């Protein structure tokens, strides 16, 4: 079974409010100090895919879209997989 999991980069929900600001012209949040992370639901989806894969054979593909993805955000799902 091939499993595709879609994840996205978001502002860290654990970050204090002082670590970002909202640009009034564009209505977008800008990070000052805290780096973005993988979205919590994407992390749950990767965990669920790993459980399904452990129950049988298969392959997991993690996808994300965006122009300014940080390497750490992309590496997080890879780090969740057990090494065999």
Protein backbone atom coordinates (compact mmCIF):
# COMPACT_ATOMS: atom_id res chain seq x y z
CA UNK A 1 0.00 0.00 0.00
CA UNK A 2 1.30 3.43 -0.90
CA UNK A 3 0.35 6.22 1.51
CA UNK A 4 0.62 9.92 0.69
CA UNK A 5 0.63 12.41 3.57
CA UNK A 6 0.31 16.14 2.94
CA UNK A 7 1.97 18.44 5.48
CA UNK A 8 2.46 22.18 5.63
CA UNK A 9 4.74 24.65 7.31
CA UNK A 10 3.04 26.81 9.97
CA UNK A 11 3.96 29.27 12.67
CA UNK A 12 4.88 27.32 15.81
CA UNK A 13 1.70 27.14 17.93
CA UNK A 14 3.91 26.82 21.04
CA UNK A 15 5.72 30.09 20.29
CA UNK A 16 4.91 33.07 22.49
CA UNK A 17 2.93 35.89 20.85
CA UNK A 18 5.95 38.17 21.14
CA UNK A 19 7.83 36.03 18.59
CA UNK A 20 5.69 37.15 15.64
CA UNK A 21 3.78 40.15 14.37
CA UNK A 22 0.97 40.72 11.87
CA UNK A 23 1.72 42.98 8.93
CA UNK A 24 -1.32 45.31 8.69
CA UNK A 25 -0.84 45.90 4.95
CA UNK A 26 -0.95 42.23 3.94
CA UNK A 27 -2.68 40.72 7.00
CA UNK A 28 0.01 38.02 7.17
CA UNK A 29 1.96 36.87 10.20
CA UNK A 30 5.70 37.45 10.17
CA UNK A 31 8.06 35.51 12.42
CA UNK A 32 10.62 37.45 14.42
CA UNK A 33 12.54 34.70 16.21
CA UNK A 34 10.75 31.32 16.25
CA UNK A 35 11.20 29.14 13.16
CA UNK A 36 8.16 27.56 11.48
CA UNK A 37 7.28 23.92 12.17
CA UNK A 38 5.25 21.14 10.58
CA UNK A 39 1.51 21.55 11.25
CA UNK A 40 0.21 19.41 14.15
CA UNK A 41 -2.38 17.62 12.01
CA UNK A 42 0.30 16.75 9.46
CA UNK A 43 2.39 15.29 12.27
CA UNK A 44 -0.59 13.19 13.42
CA UNK A 45 -1.12 12.03 9.83
CA UNK A 46 2.52 10.93 9.55
CA UNK A 47 2.18 8.99 12.82
CA UNK A 48 -1.01 7.30 11.55
CA UNK A 49 0.69 6.42 8.25
CA UNK A 50 3.61 4.89 10.15
CA UNK A 51 1.20 2.74 12.19
CA UNK A 52 -0.54 1.57 9.00
CA UNK A 53 2.83 0.82 7.40
CA UNK A 54 3.94 -1.17 10.46
CA UNK A 55 0.80 -3.31 10.18
CA UNK A 56 1.70 -4.32 6.62
CA UNK A 57 4.03 -3.58 3.74
CA UNK A 58 3.95 -0.24 2.03
CA UNK A 59 5.59 3.04 1.28
CA UNK A 60 4.97 6.49 2.76
CA UNK A 61 5.40 9.66 0.71
CA UNK A 62 5.27 13.03 2.48
CA UNK A 63 4.42 16.03 0.30
CA UNK A 64 4.45 19.75 0.96
CA UNK A 65 4.06 22.81 -1.23
CA UNK A 66 5.65 26.18 -0.82
CA UNK A 67 8.49 28.33 -1.95
CA UNK A 68 10.29 28.99 1.32
CA UNK A 69 10.18 25.61 3.05
CA UNK A 70 12.75 25.21 5.76
CA UNK A 71 14.89 22.08 5.66
CA UNK A 72 14.00 21.23 9.29
CA UNK A 73 10.27 21.19 8.48
CA UNK A 74 10.84 18.75 5.64
CA UNK A 75 13.18 16.58 7.74
CA UNK A 76 10.74 16.17 10.66
CA UNK A 77 8.58 13.44 9.03
CA UNK A 78 11.74 11.60 7.98
CA UNK A 79 13.00 11.65 11.56
CA UNK A 80 9.72 10.16 12.79
CA UNK A 81 10.24 6.97 10.76
CA UNK A 82 12.09 4.19 12.54
CA UNK A 83 15.38 3.17 10.96
CA UNK A 84 15.60 -0.44 9.83
